[in-house]
Amino acid sequence: MYDDDKKWLNRHSRLLAESYRRLTGKSLIVAAPDADLVPLLYDAPFALLSHGTENDPVLNYGNKTAQSLWEMDWRSFTGMPSRMTAEPMEQGVREAFMSEVRQKGYTDAYEGIRISGSGRRFRIERAAVWNLIDEDGVYRGQAAMFPSWTWL
């Protein structure tokens, strides 16, 4: 993992897990309350990624599974606009869906076609997508987690 800012990763890992729990009532990962979530989420067997609040949101997190699927390292993955995770023909559908999540807060039934850095296509399945809201109620972006995918 590219790790310039361990403090940011600690805060962001808590934001991912706590936002998910507040919106769904479920735990993203089973861990003790004082556990270090950074390695638990980074090494999780599901794909976990998030983007910020820019006009063209940029990915700011991708765990090892997500990086492997998109065939990118930490630096490349976290510098990419999140719309680029989908093929150009899928980007409009993806943006309409993400806008709906921004309004509703959460969904757990998303599927879609994605494309890796080398051009390999895969379908994400049973994806949960949620808004990242910090402890002060400030919107910080969106996250997605999906436990399964199929290469096409």
N, C-alpha and C. Protein backbone atom coordinates (compact mmCIF):
# COMPACT_ATOMS: atom_id res chain seq x y z
N MET A 1 0.85 -1.18 0.00
CA MET A 1 0.00 0.00 0.00
C MET A 1 0.89 1.23 0.00
N TYR A 2 0.52 2.20 -0.78
CA TYR A 2 1.21 3.49 -0.77
C TYR A 2 0.75 4.23 0.47
N ASP A 3 1.68 4.58 1.36
CA ASP A 3 1.28 5.07 2.68
C ASP A 3 2.03 6.34 3.06
N ASP A 4 1.62 7.47 2.51
CA ASP A 4 2.22 8.74 2.90
C ASP A 4 1.64 9.23 4.22
N ASP A 5 0.40 8.82 4.51
CA ASP A 5 -0.28 9.43 5.64
C ASP A 5 -1.06 8.39 6.43
N LYS A 6 -0.39 7.75 7.35
CA LYS A 6 -1.02 6.71 8.18
C LYS A 6 -2.18 7.29 8.99
N LYS A 7 -2.05 8.53 9.44
CA LYS A 7 -3.12 9.17 10.20
C LYS A 7 -4.39 9.30 9.35
N TRP A 8 -4.23 9.71 8.08
CA TRP A 8 -5.38 9.81 7.17
C TRP A 8 -6.00 8.44 6.95
N LEU A 9 -5.17 7.41 6.75
CA LEU A 9 -5.70 6.07 6.53
C LEU A 9 -6.49 5.57 7.74
N ASN A 10 -6.01 5.87 8.94
CA ASN A 10 -6.75 5.48 10.15
C ASN A 10 -8.12 6.17 10.18
N ARG A 11 -8.13 7.48 9.96
CA ARG A 11 -9.41 8.23 9.96
C ARG A 11 -10.34 7.74 8.86
N HIS A 12 -9.78 7.52 7.67
CA HIS A 12 -10.61 7.11 6.54
C HIS A 12 -11.16 5.70 6.73
N SER A 13 -10.37 4.82 7.28
CA SER A 13 -10.85 3.46 7.54
C SER A 13 -12.02 3.49 8.53
N ARG A 14 -11.92 4.32 9.57
CA ARG A 14 -13.03 4.48 10.52
C ARG A 14 -14.24 5.08 9.83
N LEU A 15 -14.03 6.08 8.96
CA LEU A 15 -15.13 6.70 8.23
C LEU A 15 -15.84 5.67 7.35
N LEU A 16 -15.09 4.83 6.65
CA LEU A 16 -15.68 3.79 5.82
C LEU A 16 -16.57 2.87 6.66
N ALA A 17 -16.01 2.36 7.75
CA ALA A 17 -16.71 1.39 8.59
C ALA A 17 -17.89 2.02 9.33
N GLU A 18 -17.70 3.20 9.92
CA GLU A 18 -18.76 3.82 10.71
C GLU A 18 -19.90 4.34 9.85
N SER A 19 -19.59 4.89 8.68
CA SER A 19 -20.66 5.33 7.77
C SER A 19 -21.50 4.14 7.33
N TYR A 20 -20.84 3.05 7.00
CA TYR A 20 -21.55 1.84 6.59
C TYR A 20 -22.47 1.35 7.71
N ARG A 21 -21.95 1.30 8.92
CA ARG A 21 -22.73 0.82 10.06
C ARG A 21 -23.93 1.73 10.35
N ARG A 22 -23.72 3.04 10.31
CA ARG A 22 -24.82 3.98 10.57
C ARG A 22 -25.93 3.84 9.53
N LEU A 23 -25.57 3.66 8.27
CA LEU A 23 -26.56 3.60 7.20
C LEU A 23 -27.24 2.24 7.08
N THR A 24 -26.53 1.17 7.41
CA THR A 24 -27.07 -0.17 7.18
C THR A 24 -27.42 -0.92 8.44
N GLY A 25 -26.84 -0.52 9.57
CA GLY A 25 -27.02 -1.28 10.80
C GLY A 25 -26.16 -2.53 10.85
N LYS A 26 -25.28 -2.71 9.85
CA LYS A 26 -24.42 -3.89 9.76
C LYS A 26 -22.96 -3.46 9.88
N SER A 27 -22.11 -4.41 10.22
CA SER A 27 -20.67 -4.16 10.28
C SER A 27 -20.04 -4.46 8.93
N LEU A 28 -19.16 -3.60 8.49
CA LEU A 28 -18.42 -3.83 7.26
C LEU A 28 -17.46 -4.99 7.45
N ILE A 29 -16.87 -5.04 8.64
CA ILE A 29 -15.94 -6.10 8.99
C ILE A 29 -16.05 -6.34 10.49
N VAL A 30 -15.92 -7.58 10.92
CA VAL A 30 -15.98 -7.89 12.34
C VAL A 30 -14.63 -7.54 12.96
N ALA A 31 -14.67 -6.66 13.95
CA ALA A 31 -13.44 -6.23 14.61
C ALA A 31 -13.76 -5.69 15.99
N ALA A 32 -12.81 -5.78 16.88
CA ALA A 32 -12.96 -5.19 18.21
C ALA A 32 -13.07 -3.67 18.06
N PRO A 33 -13.78 -3.00 18.97
CA PRO A 33 -13.96 -1.54 18.87
C PRO A 33 -12.65 -0.75 18.74
N ASP A 34 -11.58 -1.24 19.36
CA ASP A 34 -10.31 -0.52 19.31
C ASP A 34 -9.33 -1.11 18.30
N ALA A 35 -9.82 -1.98 17.41
CA ALA A 35 -8.95 -2.64 16.43
C ALA A 35 -8.41 -1.63 15.42
N ASP A 36 -7.24 -1.93 14.89
CA ASP A 36 -6.65 -1.15 13.81
C ASP A 36 -7.33 -1.61 12.51
N LEU A 37 -8.22 -0.78 12.00
CA LEU A 37 -8.99 -1.15 10.81
C LEU A 37 -8.19 -1.07 9.52
N VAL A 38 -7.08 -0.36 9.53
CA VAL A 38 -6.32 -0.18 8.28
C VAL A 38 -5.95 -1.52 7.66
N PRO A 39 -5.25 -2.42 8.35
CA PRO A 39 -4.90 -3.69 7.70
C PRO A 39 -6.11 -4.61 7.50
N LEU A 40 -7.09 -4.54 8.40
CA LEU A 40 -8.27 -5.40 8.25
C LEU A 40 -9.04 -5.08 6.98
N LEU A 41 -9.23 -3.80 6.69
CA LEU A 41 -9.95 -3.41 5.48
C LEU A 41 -9.07 -3.56 4.24
N TYR A 42 -7.79 -3.20 4.36
CA TYR A 42 -6.90 -3.27 3.21
C TYR A 42 -6.72 -4.70 2.72
N ASP A 43 -6.66 -5.65 3.62
CA ASP A 43 -6.45 -7.06 3.26
C ASP A 43 -7.73 -7.86 3.16
N ALA A 44 -8.88 -7.22 3.24
CA ALA A 44 -10.17 -7.93 3.21
C ALA A 44 -10.37 -8.65 1.87
N PRO A 45 -11.13 -9.74 1.89
CA PRO A 45 -11.35 -10.51 0.66
C PRO A 45 -12.38 -9.88 -0.29
N PHE A 46 -13.02 -8.82 0.14
CA PHE A 46 -13.96 -8.10 -0.73
C PHE A 46 -13.30 -6.85 -1.27
N ALA A 47 -13.80 -6.34 -2.39
CA ALA A 47 -13.29 -5.09 -2.95
C ALA A 47 -13.91 -3.92 -2.19
N LEU A 48 -13.09 -2.95 -1.82
CA LEU A 48 -13.54 -1.77 -1.09
C LEU A 48 -12.83 -0.56 -1.70
N LEU A 49 -13.62 0.42 -2.12
CA LEU A 49 -13.06 1.62 -2.72
C LEU A 49 -13.90 2.82 -2.36
N SER A 50 -13.31 4.00 -2.47
CA SER A 50 -14.06 5.22 -2.19
C SER A 50 -13.52 6.37 -3.01
N HIS A 51 -14.36 7.40 -3.15
CA HIS A 51 -13.93 8.64 -3.80
C HIS A 51 -14.36 9.82 -2.95
N GLY A 52 -13.75 10.96 -3.27
CA GLY A 52 -14.01 12.19 -2.53
C GLY A 52 -15.17 12.98 -3.09
N THR A 53 -15.14 14.28 -2.86
CA THR A 53 -16.27 15.16 -3.19
C THR A 53 -15.96 16.12 -4.32
N GLU A 54 -14.91 15.89 -5.08
CA GLU A 54 -14.57 16.77 -6.18
C GLU A 54 -15.71 16.80 -7.21
N ASN A 55 -15.71 17.81 -8.09
CA ASN A 55 -16.72 17.87 -9.16
C ASN A 55 -16.66 16.62 -10.03
N ASP A 56 -15.47 16.14 -10.31
CA ASP A 56 -15.25 14.87 -11.00
C ASP A 56 -14.53 14.00 -9.97
N PRO A 57 -15.29 13.29 -9.11
CA PRO A 57 -14.70 12.62 -7.96
C PRO A 57 -13.52 11.70 -8.31
N VAL A 58 -12.48 11.81 -7.49
CA VAL A 58 -11.26 11.03 -7.65
C VAL A 58 -11.22 9.96 -6.58
N LEU A 59 -10.83 8.74 -6.98
CA LEU A 59 -10.68 7.67 -5.99
C LEU A 59 -9.64 8.08 -4.96
N ASN A 60 -9.97 7.86 -3.69
CA ASN A 60 -9.02 8.17 -2.62
C ASN A 60 -8.67 6.94 -1.79
N TYR A 61 -9.28 5.81 -2.10
CA TYR A 61 -8.99 4.58 -1.37
C TYR A 61 -9.34 3.38 -2.26
N GLY A 62 -8.52 2.38 -2.18
CA GLY A 62 -8.81 1.10 -2.82
C GLY A 62 -8.02 0.03 -2.09
N ASN A 63 -8.72 -0.96 -1.57
CA ASN A 63 -7.99 -2.00 -0.83
C ASN A 63 -7.26 -2.92 -1.82
N LYS A 64 -6.55 -3.89 -1.29
CA LYS A 64 -5.72 -4.77 -2.11
C LYS A 64 -6.57 -5.51 -3.15
N THR A 65 -7.76 -5.94 -2.78
CA THR A 65 -8.63 -6.65 -3.72
C THR A 65 -9.05 -5.74 -4.87
N ALA A 66 -9.43 -4.50 -4.55
CA ALA A 66 -9.82 -3.54 -5.60
C ALA A 66 -8.64 -3.24 -6.52
N GLN A 67 -7.46 -3.02 -5.95
CA GLN A 67 -6.28 -2.74 -6.77
C GLN A 67 -5.98 -3.91 -7.70
N SER A 68 -6.15 -5.12 -7.20
CA SER A 68 -5.89 -6.31 -8.01
C SER A 68 -6.90 -6.40 -9.16
N LEU A 69 -8.17 -6.16 -8.88
CA LEU A 69 -9.19 -6.22 -9.93
C LEU A 69 -8.93 -5.20 -11.03
N TRP A 70 -8.58 -3.98 -10.64
CA TRP A 70 -8.34 -2.93 -11.62
C TRP A 70 -6.90 -2.96 -12.15
N GLU A 71 -6.09 -3.90 -11.63
CA GLU A 71 -4.72 -4.09 -12.08
C GLU A 71 -3.90 -2.79 -11.99
N MET A 72 -3.97 -2.18 -10.80
CA MET A 72 -3.26 -0.93 -10.55
C MET A 72 -2.65 -0.96 -9.15
N ASP A 73 -1.59 -0.18 -8.97
CA ASP A 73 -1.03 -0.02 -7.64
C ASP A 73 -1.77 1.12 -6.91
N TRP A 74 -1.43 1.31 -5.65
CA TRP A 74 -2.11 2.31 -4.82
C TRP A 74 -2.08 3.69 -5.45
N ARG A 75 -0.92 4.13 -5.88
CA ARG A 75 -0.76 5.49 -6.40
C ARG A 75 -1.60 5.68 -7.68
N SER A 76 -1.56 4.73 -8.58
CA SER A 76 -2.34 4.85 -9.83
C SER A 76 -3.83 4.81 -9.54
N PHE A 77 -4.24 3.88 -8.68
CA PHE A 77 -5.66 3.72 -8.38
C PHE A 77 -6.23 4.96 -7.72
N THR A 78 -5.52 5.49 -6.73
CA THR A 78 -6.06 6.62 -5.97
C THR A 78 -5.88 7.96 -6.66
N GLY A 79 -5.34 7.97 -7.85
CA GLY A 79 -5.26 9.20 -8.62
C GLY A 79 -6.25 9.24 -9.77
N MET A 80 -7.07 8.22 -9.89
CA MET A 80 -7.97 8.07 -11.03
C MET A 80 -9.36 8.63 -10.73
N PRO A 81 -9.95 9.38 -11.67
CA PRO A 81 -11.36 9.77 -11.48
C PRO A 81 -12.21 8.50 -11.36
N SER A 82 -13.13 8.47 -10.42
CA SER A 82 -13.89 7.24 -10.19
C SER A 82 -14.73 6.83 -11.39
N ARG A 83 -15.13 7.78 -12.23
CA ARG A 83 -15.91 7.43 -13.43
C ARG A 83 -15.11 6.53 -14.36
N MET A 84 -13.78 6.59 -14.27
CA MET A 84 -12.93 5.79 -15.15
C MET A 84 -12.89 4.32 -14.76
N THR A 85 -13.53 3.95 -13.66
CA THR A 85 -13.61 2.53 -13.29
C THR A 85 -14.57 1.79 -14.20
N ALA A 86 -15.43 2.54 -14.90
CA ALA A 86 -16.40 1.95 -15.82
C ALA A 86 -16.01 2.26 -17.26
N GLU A 87 -16.44 1.40 -18.18
CA GLU A 87 -16.23 1.67 -19.60
C GLU A 87 -16.99 2.93 -19.99
N PRO A 88 -16.53 3.65 -21.02
CA PRO A 88 -17.22 4.88 -21.43
C PRO A 88 -18.72 4.70 -21.64
N MET A 89 -19.14 3.59 -22.25
CA MET A 89 -20.58 3.40 -22.49
C MET A 89 -21.36 3.15 -21.20
N GLU A 90 -20.67 2.76 -20.13
CA GLU A 90 -21.32 2.50 -18.84
C GLU A 90 -21.29 3.71 -17.91
N GLN A 91 -20.51 4.74 -18.25
CA GLN A 91 -20.30 5.86 -17.34
C GLN A 91 -21.58 6.65 -17.06
N GLY A 92 -22.46 6.84 -18.06
CA GLY A 92 -23.71 7.56 -17.84
C GLY A 92 -24.62 6.83 -16.87
N VAL A 93 -24.73 5.52 -17.05
CA VAL A 93 -25.55 4.70 -16.15
C VAL A 93 -24.98 4.75 -14.75
N ARG A 94 -23.65 4.66 -14.64
CA ARG A 94 -22.99 4.70 -13.34
C ARG A 94 -23.24 6.03 -12.65
N GLU A 95 -23.13 7.15 -13.38
CA GLU A 95 -23.32 8.46 -12.77
C GLU A 95 -24.76 8.65 -12.30
N ALA A 96 -25.74 8.19 -13.06
CA ALA A 96 -27.15 8.30 -12.63
C ALA A 96 -27.36 7.51 -11.35
N PHE A 97 -26.76 6.34 -11.28
CA PHE A 97 -26.87 5.52 -10.08
C PHE A 97 -26.21 6.20 -8.89
N MET A 98 -25.00 6.74 -9.08
CA MET A 98 -24.29 7.39 -7.97
C MET A 98 -25.05 8.61 -7.47
N SER A 99 -25.70 9.33 -8.36
CA SER A 99 -26.51 10.47 -7.97
C SER A 99 -27.67 10.03 -7.08
N GLU A 100 -28.28 8.91 -7.46
CA GLU A 100 -29.38 8.36 -6.64
C GLU A 100 -28.88 7.97 -5.25
N VAL A 101 -27.70 7.37 -5.17
CA VAL A 101 -27.14 7.00 -3.86
C VAL A 101 -26.87 8.26 -3.04
N ARG A 102 -26.35 9.34 -3.68
CA ARG A 102 -26.11 10.58 -2.94
C ARG A 102 -27.40 11.05 -2.28
N GLN A 103 -28.53 10.90 -2.95
CA GLN A 103 -29.81 11.36 -2.41
C GLN A 103 -30.35 10.42 -1.35
N LYS A 104 -30.27 9.11 -1.58
CA LYS A 104 -30.86 8.12 -0.67
C LYS A 104 -29.92 7.68 0.44
N GLY A 105 -28.61 7.75 0.21
CA GLY A 105 -27.63 7.39 1.23
C GLY A 105 -26.99 6.04 1.08
N TYR A 106 -27.72 5.05 0.49
CA TYR A 106 -27.19 3.69 0.50
C TYR A 106 -28.00 2.80 -0.45
N THR A 107 -27.32 1.82 -1.02
CA THR A 107 -27.98 0.72 -1.71
C THR A 107 -27.10 -0.52 -1.57
N ASP A 108 -27.71 -1.67 -1.67
CA ASP A 108 -26.90 -2.90 -1.59
C ASP A 108 -27.22 -3.87 -2.72
N ALA A 109 -27.70 -3.35 -3.83
CA ALA A 109 -28.12 -4.22 -4.92
C ALA A 109 -27.58 -3.76 -6.27
N TYR A 110 -26.38 -3.21 -6.30
CA TYR A 110 -25.85 -2.69 -7.55
C TYR A 110 -25.02 -3.74 -8.28
N GLU A 111 -25.19 -3.80 -9.59
CA GLU A 111 -24.35 -4.62 -10.45
C GLU A 111 -23.98 -3.78 -11.65
N GLY A 112 -22.81 -4.00 -12.19
CA GLY A 112 -22.39 -3.25 -13.36
C GLY A 112 -21.09 -3.78 -13.93
N ILE A 113 -20.82 -3.38 -15.16
CA ILE A 113 -19.59 -3.79 -15.84
C ILE A 113 -18.50 -2.77 -15.56
N ARG A 114 -17.32 -3.27 -15.23
CA ARG A 114 -16.17 -2.43 -14.97
C ARG A 114 -15.03 -2.88 -15.87
N ILE A 115 -14.00 -2.04 -15.95
CA ILE A 115 -12.86 -2.33 -16.82
C ILE A 115 -11.57 -2.08 -16.05
N SER A 116 -10.64 -3.03 -16.17
CA SER A 116 -9.36 -2.91 -15.46
C SER A 116 -8.42 -2.00 -16.23
N GLY A 117 -7.29 -1.73 -15.62
CA GLY A 117 -6.27 -0.90 -16.26
C GLY A 117 -5.76 -1.47 -17.57
N SER A 118 -5.78 -2.80 -17.71
CA SER A 118 -5.31 -3.43 -18.95
C SER A 118 -6.44 -3.66 -19.95
N GLY A 119 -7.66 -3.27 -19.56
CA GLY A 119 -8.80 -3.44 -20.48
C GLY A 119 -9.64 -4.68 -20.23
N ARG A 120 -9.30 -5.47 -19.21
CA ARG A 120 -10.13 -6.65 -18.89
C ARG A 120 -11.45 -6.19 -18.29
N ARG A 121 -12.52 -6.81 -18.73
CA ARG A 121 -13.86 -6.45 -18.27
C ARG A 121 -14.33 -7.43 -17.20
N PHE A 122 -15.07 -6.92 -16.22
CA PHE A 122 -15.65 -7.78 -15.19
C PHE A 122 -16.96 -7.16 -14.70
N ARG A 123 -17.84 -8.03 -14.24
CA ARG A 123 -19.12 -7.60 -13.69
C ARG A 123 -19.01 -7.63 -12.17
N ILE A 124 -19.29 -6.47 -11.54
CA ILE A 124 -19.34 -6.46 -10.09
C ILE A 124 -20.74 -6.91 -9.68
N GLU A 125 -20.83 -7.64 -8.60
CA GLU A 125 -22.08 -8.26 -8.18
C GLU A 125 -22.37 -7.96 -6.71
N ARG A 126 -23.63 -7.71 -6.42
CA ARG A 126 -24.10 -7.46 -5.04
C ARG A 126 -23.32 -6.34 -4.36
N ALA A 127 -23.08 -5.28 -5.09
CA ALA A 127 -22.31 -4.17 -4.53
C ALA A 127 -23.15 -3.31 -3.60
N ALA A 128 -22.56 -2.98 -2.47
CA ALA A 128 -23.14 -1.98 -1.56
C ALA A 128 -22.44 -0.67 -1.87
N VAL A 129 -23.21 0.38 -2.01
CA VAL A 129 -22.66 1.71 -2.26
C VAL A 129 -23.31 2.63 -1.23
N TRP A 130 -22.49 3.45 -0.56
CA TRP A 130 -23.03 4.30 0.50
C TRP A 130 -22.30 5.63 0.56
N ASN A 131 -22.99 6.60 1.13
CA ASN A 131 -22.41 7.92 1.36
C ASN A 131 -21.49 7.87 2.57
N LEU A 132 -20.39 8.57 2.47
CA LEU A 132 -19.47 8.70 3.60
C LEU A 132 -19.81 10.00 4.33
N ILE A 133 -20.33 9.83 5.52
CA ILE A 133 -20.74 10.96 6.36
C ILE A 133 -19.92 10.90 7.64
N ASP A 134 -19.20 11.98 7.95
CA ASP A 134 -18.35 11.94 9.15
C ASP A 134 -19.19 12.17 10.42
N GLU A 135 -18.50 12.15 11.56
CA GLU A 135 -19.18 12.27 12.86
C GLU A 135 -19.87 13.62 13.04
N ASP A 136 -19.50 14.62 12.25
CA ASP A 136 -20.15 15.93 12.31
C ASP A 136 -21.28 16.07 11.30
N GLY A 137 -21.58 14.99 10.58
CA GLY A 137 -22.64 15.03 9.58
C GLY A 137 -22.23 15.59 8.24
N VAL A 138 -20.92 15.73 8.00
CA VAL A 138 -20.41 16.30 6.75
C VAL A 138 -20.23 15.19 5.72
N TYR A 139 -20.77 15.43 4.52
CA TYR A 139 -20.62 14.50 3.40
C TYR A 139 -19.17 14.51 2.93
N ARG A 140 -18.53 13.33 2.88
CA ARG A 140 -17.12 13.21 2.52
C ARG A 140 -16.88 12.41 1.24
N GLY A 141 -17.95 11.95 0.59
CA GLY A 141 -17.81 11.18 -0.63
C GLY A 141 -18.67 9.94 -0.60
N GLN A 142 -18.27 8.96 -1.38
CA GLN A 142 -19.01 7.70 -1.45
C GLN A 142 -18.04 6.53 -1.43
N ALA A 143 -18.54 5.39 -1.00
CA ALA A 143 -17.74 4.16 -0.97
C ALA A 143 -18.55 3.03 -1.59
N ALA A 144 -17.82 2.03 -2.03
CA ALA A 144 -18.46 0.82 -2.57
C ALA A 144 -17.70 -0.39 -2.05
N MET A 145 -18.47 -1.45 -1.83
CA MET A 145 -17.90 -2.72 -1.41
C MET A 145 -18.64 -3.81 -2.18
N PHE A 146 -17.91 -4.74 -2.76
CA PHE A 146 -18.58 -5.87 -3.38
C PHE A 146 -17.77 -7.14 -3.12
N PRO A 147 -18.49 -8.20 -2.73
CA PRO A 147 -17.84 -9.44 -2.36
C PRO A 147 -17.58 -10.39 -3.53
N SER A 148 -18.22 -10.12 -4.69
CA SER A 148 -18.03 -11.04 -5.80
C SER A 148 -18.04 -10.31 -7.12
N TRP A 149 -17.43 -10.95 -8.10
CA TRP A 149 -17.31 -10.41 -9.45
C TRP A 149 -17.10 -11.57 -10.40
N THR A 150 -17.38 -11.33 -11.66
CA THR A 150 -17.20 -12.34 -12.70
C THR A 150 -16.42 -11.71 -13.84
N TRP A 151 -15.33 -12.34 -14.23
CA TRP A 151 -14.58 -11.85 -15.38
C TRP A 151 -15.35 -12.16 -16.65
N LEU A 152 -15.38 -11.22 -17.56
CA LEU A 152 -16.12 -11.38 -18.82
C LEU A 152 -15.17 -11.64 -19.98
